[in-house]
């Protein structure tokens, strides 16, 4: 039987192997500076931090270690957002991988966890939006330099996530009890086909459900809505079953335009982990 850390690593590998996932790296597509093998190396590198979480380490230090080792490959940021979801979920799996337990894990985070989160930004470049005026001193892009301001305000990691909503849907998962992650796991269990096919189908359904916040950050809200509207049409037409070439063309178009719905991929990875832990999908 796989451990929670092993299942989290496997979830990262399965997420990047699923295809087609429009706009994202998959087994058939690379981005301009990120390749499939970078994601494989990132998933393997993150294992040490995931094991720390599985052994009961605090969320912040476990996350920082996972990001530091993930970033050791030459592609840069491959799975920062996914790890921000997976680390508390792995920690929750020590007791009971349920939404109430996962919510308790993140609500119990400390100022020290938040400091570790900020230090993680020193290891990798992450696409984030401009902070609100009252959060300038706490801009995550400052990395460890922002920790004194963080400690002065006494903000926990959950507090930081709470202040990042609605602009960041990874943060929204923390605040909303990982509702989309657990919902994705249910969809994966109910879907047909191979795990790769299920992953692609669930990714597309999540993309149709909400505009991707990474797309909105890197481009604009209109572009994020355009991508979601197109995904909605494809889901309504059951295009992965009836006209897969259309989905493949959509995937190629987003890659060509540099549009990367990475937050949706992060939630997909979290859903894969929950499904693996609940033995809802088998390999």
Protein backbone atom coordinates (compact mmCIF):
# COMPACT_ATOMS: atom_id res chain seq x y z
CA UNK A 1 0.00 0.00 0.00
CA UNK A 2 1.31 3.46 -0.89
CA UNK A 3 1.90 6.02 1.85
CA UNK A 4 0.25 9.47 1.67
CA UNK A 5 3.57 10.98 0.54
CA UNK A 6 3.83 8.39 -2.23
CA UNK A 7 0.26 9.07 -3.30
CA UNK A 8 0.95 12.82 -3.38
CA UNK A 9 4.01 12.29 -5.57
CA UNK A 10 1.98 9.98 -7.80
CA UNK A 11 -0.80 12.58 -8.04
CA UNK A 12 1.71 15.12 -9.36
CA UNK A 13 2.96 12.62 -11.92
CA UNK A 14 -0.53 11.61 -13.01
CA UNK A 15 -1.62 15.23 -13.34
CA UNK A 16 1.13 16.12 -15.79
CA UNK A 17 0.65 12.84 -17.68
CA UNK A 18 -3.06 13.51 -18.29
CA UNK A 19 -3.78 14.71 -21.82
CA UNK A 20 -5.13 16.87 -23.34
CA UNK A 21 -5.16 19.54 -20.62
CA UNK A 22 -5.59 22.76 -22.60
CA UNK A 23 -2.83 25.29 -22.00
CA UNK A 24 -0.81 23.07 -19.67
CA UNK A 25 2.20 20.83 -20.00
CA UNK A 26 1.13 17.25 -20.60
CA UNK A 27 2.71 14.17 -22.08
CA UNK A 28 2.18 15.57 -25.60
CA UNK A 29 2.90 19.27 -24.99
CA UNK A 30 5.65 21.45 -23.59
CA UNK A 31 5.52 25.16 -22.88
CA UNK A 32 8.16 27.60 -24.07
CA UNK A 33 10.37 27.17 -21.00
CA UNK A 34 8.74 24.29 -19.14
CA UNK A 35 8.92 20.71 -20.37
CA UNK A 36 7.24 17.48 -19.38
CA UNK A 37 10.45 16.16 -17.81
CA UNK A 38 10.75 19.27 -15.61
CA UNK A 39 7.42 18.33 -14.03
CA UNK A 40 8.56 14.75 -13.51
CA UNK A 41 11.73 15.96 -11.80
CA UNK A 42 9.74 18.49 -9.76
CA UNK A 43 7.38 15.80 -8.48
CA UNK A 44 10.27 13.55 -7.44
CA UNK A 45 12.08 16.48 -5.82
CA UNK A 46 9.01 17.43 -3.77
CA UNK A 47 8.90 14.00 -2.16
CA UNK A 48 11.04 14.94 0.86
CA UNK A 49 8.74 17.78 1.86
CA UNK A 50 5.68 15.60 1.34
CA UNK A 51 7.21 12.97 3.61
CA UNK A 52 7.78 15.62 6.28
CA UNK A 53 4.07 16.46 6.16
CA UNK A 54 3.15 12.78 6.33
CA UNK A 55 5.38 12.40 9.39
CA UNK A 56 3.59 15.23 11.18
CA UNK A 57 5.80 18.23 10.46
CA UNK A 58 4.19 21.66 10.45
CA UNK A 59 2.64 22.69 7.15
CA UNK A 60 4.93 25.67 6.50
CA UNK A 61 8.33 23.96 6.85
CA UNK A 62 7.10 20.90 4.94
CA UNK A 63 5.86 23.12 2.14
CA UNK A 64 9.09 25.13 2.03
CA UNK A 65 11.16 21.94 1.77
CA UNK A 66 8.90 20.54 -0.95
CA UNK A 67 9.20 23.75 -2.99
CA UNK A 68 12.96 24.04 -2.48
CA UNK A 69 13.57 20.52 -3.77
CA UNK A 70 10.91 20.82 -6.49
CA UNK A 71 12.73 23.87 -7.81
CA UNK A 72 16.06 22.03 -8.11
CA UNK A 73 15.25 21.07 -11.70
CA UNK A 74 16.16 23.58 -14.41
CA UNK A 75 12.64 24.54 -15.52
CA UNK A 76 11.73 26.67 -12.52
CA UNK A 77 8.26 26.64 -11.01
CA UNK A 78 6.47 23.44 -11.90
CA UNK A 79 4.13 22.63 -8.99
CA UNK A 80 4.14 25.44 -6.40
CA UNK A 81 0.35 25.78 -6.29
CA UNK A 82 -0.24 22.04 -6.32
CA UNK A 83 2.12 21.61 -3.36
CA UNK A 84 0.33 24.36 -1.45
CA UNK A 85 -2.76 22.15 -1.70
CA UNK A 86 -1.08 18.79 -1.29
CA UNK A 87 1.02 19.48 1.81
CA UNK A 88 -1.94 20.19 4.15
CA UNK A 89 -3.91 17.35 2.55
CA UNK A 90 -1.03 14.94 3.21
CA UNK A 91 -0.86 16.26 6.77
CA UNK A 92 -4.61 15.64 7.14
CA UNK A 93 -4.22 12.10 5.81
CA UNK A 94 -2.33 11.21 9.02
CA UNK A 95 -5.70 11.27 10.77
CA UNK A 96 -8.60 11.24 8.31
CA UNK A 97 -8.51 12.71 4.84
CA UNK A 98 -11.83 14.51 5.03
CA UNK A 99 -12.79 18.11 4.44
CA UNK A 100 -13.30 18.91 8.15
CA UNK A 101 -9.87 17.53 9.06
CA UNK A 102 -8.16 19.30 6.15
CA UNK A 103 -9.86 22.53 7.15
CA UNK A 104 -8.68 22.10 10.74
CA UNK A 105 -5.09 21.56 9.54
CA UNK A 106 -4.96 24.86 7.66
CA UNK A 107 -6.82 26.84 10.32
CA UNK A 108 -4.25 25.69 12.90
CA UNK A 109 -1.29 27.07 10.95
CA UNK A 110 0.95 29.59 12.70
CA UNK A 111 2.99 32.72 12.03
CA UNK A 112 5.98 30.39 11.70
CA UNK A 113 4.18 28.50 8.94
CA UNK A 114 3.56 31.79 7.17
CA UNK A 115 7.26 32.68 7.45
CA UNK A 116 8.18 29.36 5.82
CA UNK A 117 5.67 30.08 3.05
CA UNK A 118 7.35 33.42 2.36
CA UNK A 119 10.80 31.82 2.32
CA UNK A 120 9.53 29.38 -0.31
CA UNK A 121 9.26 32.33 -2.71
CA UNK A 122 13.04 32.74 -2.52
CA UNK A 123 13.42 29.40 -4.31
CA UNK A 124 11.20 29.97 -7.34
CA UNK A 125 9.38 32.65 -9.35
CA UNK A 126 5.61 32.44 -8.92
CA UNK A 127 2.99 34.31 -10.94
CA UNK A 128 1.04 36.44 -8.44
CA UNK A 129 -1.04 39.58 -8.72
CA UNK A 130 -0.28 42.96 -7.18
CA UNK A 131 -1.20 42.97 -3.48
CA UNK A 132 -3.82 45.32 -2.02
CA UNK A 133 -2.46 48.64 -0.78
CA UNK A 134 -2.58 47.54 2.86
CA UNK A 135 -0.58 44.40 2.02
CA UNK A 136 2.35 46.00 0.16
CA UNK A 137 4.75 45.22 3.00
CA UNK A 138 3.56 41.62 2.81
CA UNK A 139 3.98 41.16 -0.95
CA UNK A 140 4.96 37.51 -1.28
CA UNK A 141 7.39 38.43 -4.05
CA UNK A 142 9.57 39.96 -1.32
CA UNK A 143 10.13 36.46 0.04
CA UNK A 144 11.97 36.33 3.36
CA UNK A 145 12.34 40.13 3.36
CA UNK A 146 8.63 40.38 4.20
CA UNK A 147 8.87 38.18 7.30
CA UNK A 148 9.46 41.03 9.81
CA UNK A 149 6.26 42.75 8.66
CA UNK A 150 4.48 39.40 8.81
CA UNK A 151 5.64 38.76 12.37
CA UNK A 152 4.78 42.31 13.43
CA UNK A 153 1.19 41.79 12.30
CA UNK A 154 1.01 38.28 13.75
CA UNK A 155 -0.50 36.76 10.63
CA UNK A 156 -0.75 32.99 10.29
CA UNK A 157 -0.51 31.17 6.98
CA UNK A 158 -4.28 30.74 6.98
CA UNK A 159 -4.60 34.52 7.47
CA UNK A 160 -2.42 35.09 4.41
CA UNK A 161 -4.53 32.69 2.34
CA UNK A 162 -7.70 34.38 3.53
CA UNK A 163 -6.35 37.73 2.34
CA UNK A 164 -5.49 36.25 -1.07
CA UNK A 165 -9.11 35.44 -1.97
CA UNK A 166 -10.76 36.03 -4.44
CA UNK A 167 -7.73 36.58 -6.66
CA UNK A 168 -6.14 33.17 -6.04
CA UNK A 169 -8.18 29.97 -6.27
CA UNK A 170 -5.50 27.91 -4.51
CA UNK A 171 -5.96 30.19 -1.51
CA UNK A 172 -9.71 29.83 -1.98
CA UNK A 173 -9.35 26.08 -1.48
CA UNK A 174 -7.77 26.69 1.91
CA UNK A 175 -10.58 29.04 2.92
CA UNK A 176 -13.41 26.91 1.49
CA UNK A 177 -12.38 23.57 2.98
CA UNK A 178 -10.82 22.22 -0.25
CA UNK A 179 -14.28 21.90 -1.76
CA UNK A 180 -13.16 21.77 -5.41
CA UNK A 181 -10.35 19.35 -4.62
CA UNK A 182 -12.71 16.88 -2.97
CA UNK A 183 -15.27 17.47 -5.71
CA UNK A 184 -12.62 16.69 -8.33
CA UNK A 185 -11.88 13.43 -6.53
CA UNK A 186 -15.54 12.45 -6.77
CA UNK A 187 -15.57 13.24 -10.49
CA UNK A 188 -12.43 11.17 -11.03
CA UNK A 189 -14.09 8.23 -9.28
CA UNK A 190 -17.22 8.53 -11.39
CA UNK A 191 -15.49 9.08 -14.75
CA UNK A 192 -14.83 6.38 -17.31
CA UNK A 193 -11.62 5.41 -19.03
CA UNK A 194 -7.99 5.28 -18.01
CA UNK A 195 -6.66 7.50 -15.26
CA UNK A 196 -5.10 9.75 -17.92
CA UNK A 197 -8.46 10.07 -19.69
CA UNK A 198 -10.25 10.75 -16.42
CA UNK A 199 -7.68 13.37 -15.49
CA UNK A 200 -8.19 15.19 -18.79
CA UNK A 201 -11.97 15.05 -18.44
CA UNK A 202 -11.95 16.35 -14.86
CA UNK A 203 -9.47 19.10 -15.73
CA UNK A 204 -11.74 20.28 -18.56
CA UNK A 205 -14.79 20.20 -16.29
CA UNK A 206 -12.98 22.27 -13.64
CA UNK A 207 -11.86 24.74 -16.30
CA UNK A 208 -15.47 25.07 -17.45
CA UNK A 209 -16.62 25.63 -13.87
CA UNK A 210 -14.57 28.73 -12.95
CA UNK A 211 -12.21 31.11 -14.77
CA UNK A 212 -8.63 30.20 -13.95
CA UNK A 213 -7.07 32.75 -11.60
CA UNK A 214 -3.55 32.27 -12.98
CA UNK A 215 -4.83 33.17 -16.45
CA UNK A 216 -6.54 36.23 -14.99
CA UNK A 217 -3.31 37.25 -13.23
CA UNK A 218 -1.00 36.76 -16.21
CA UNK A 219 -3.44 38.07 -18.83
CA UNK A 220 -6.77 39.52 -17.71
CA UNK A 221 -10.24 38.58 -16.53
CA UNK A 222 -11.63 38.68 -20.07
CA UNK A 223 -9.11 36.11 -21.28
CA UNK A 224 -9.82 33.86 -18.31
CA UNK A 225 -13.55 34.06 -19.05
CA UNK A 226 -12.96 33.36 -22.75
CA UNK A 227 -11.06 30.17 -21.87
CA UNK A 228 -13.76 29.04 -19.47
CA UNK A 229 -16.53 29.73 -21.97
CA UNK A 230 -14.74 27.60 -24.57
CA UNK A 231 -14.22 24.80 -22.06
CA UNK A 232 -17.91 24.98 -21.17
CA UNK A 233 -18.85 24.47 -24.82
CA UNK A 234 -16.55 21.47 -25.10
CA UNK A 235 -17.91 19.88 -21.93
CA UNK A 236 -21.50 20.45 -23.09
CA UNK A 237 -20.66 18.77 -26.40
CA UNK A 238 -18.88 15.89 -24.62
CA UNK A 239 -16.05 16.69 -27.01
CA UNK A 240 -13.48 14.42 -25.33
CA UNK A 241 -15.68 11.49 -26.35
CA UNK A 242 -17.21 12.72 -29.62
CA UNK A 243 -14.68 15.14 -31.10
CA UNK A 244 -11.35 14.79 -29.33
CA UNK A 245 -9.55 16.59 -32.17
CA UNK A 246 -11.41 19.78 -31.23
CA UNK A 247 -10.14 19.57 -27.66
CA UNK A 248 -6.61 18.86 -28.92
CA UNK A 249 -6.83 21.95 -31.14
CA UNK A 250 -8.01 24.04 -28.17
CA UNK A 251 -5.06 22.74 -26.14
CA UNK A 252 -2.61 23.63 -28.90
CA UNK A 253 -4.15 27.08 -29.33
CA UNK A 254 -3.75 27.97 -25.65
CA UNK A 255 -0.14 26.78 -25.63
CA UNK A 256 0.58 28.82 -28.77
CA UNK A 257 -0.95 31.90 -27.13
CA UNK A 258 0.91 31.39 -23.87
CA UNK A 259 -2.29 30.93 -21.88
CA UNK A 260 -1.71 28.54 -18.98
CA UNK A 261 -4.63 27.57 -16.69
CA UNK A 262 -2.21 26.39 -14.05
CA UNK A 263 -4.50 26.86 -11.06
CA UNK A 264 -6.96 24.40 -12.58
CA UNK A 265 -4.10 21.91 -12.92
CA UNK A 266 -3.24 22.44 -9.23
CA UNK A 267 -6.79 21.57 -8.17
CA UNK A 268 -6.73 18.55 -10.48
CA UNK A 269 -3.56 17.29 -8.76
CA UNK A 270 -5.19 17.72 -5.35
CA UNK A 271 -8.25 15.82 -6.57
CA UNK A 272 -6.03 12.99 -7.80
CA UNK A 273 -4.40 12.75 -4.38
CA UNK A 274 -7.73 12.57 -2.58
CA UNK A 275 -8.98 9.94 -5.03
CA UNK A 276 -5.81 7.86 -4.59
CA UNK A 277 -5.99 8.07 -0.80
CA UNK A 278 -9.66 7.05 -0.85
CA UNK A 279 -8.84 4.23 -3.28
CA UNK A 280 -11.41 5.71 -5.67
CA UNK A 281 -9.08 5.12 -8.62
CA UNK A 282 -6.80 2.15 -9.07
CA UNK A 283 -3.51 1.64 -10.85
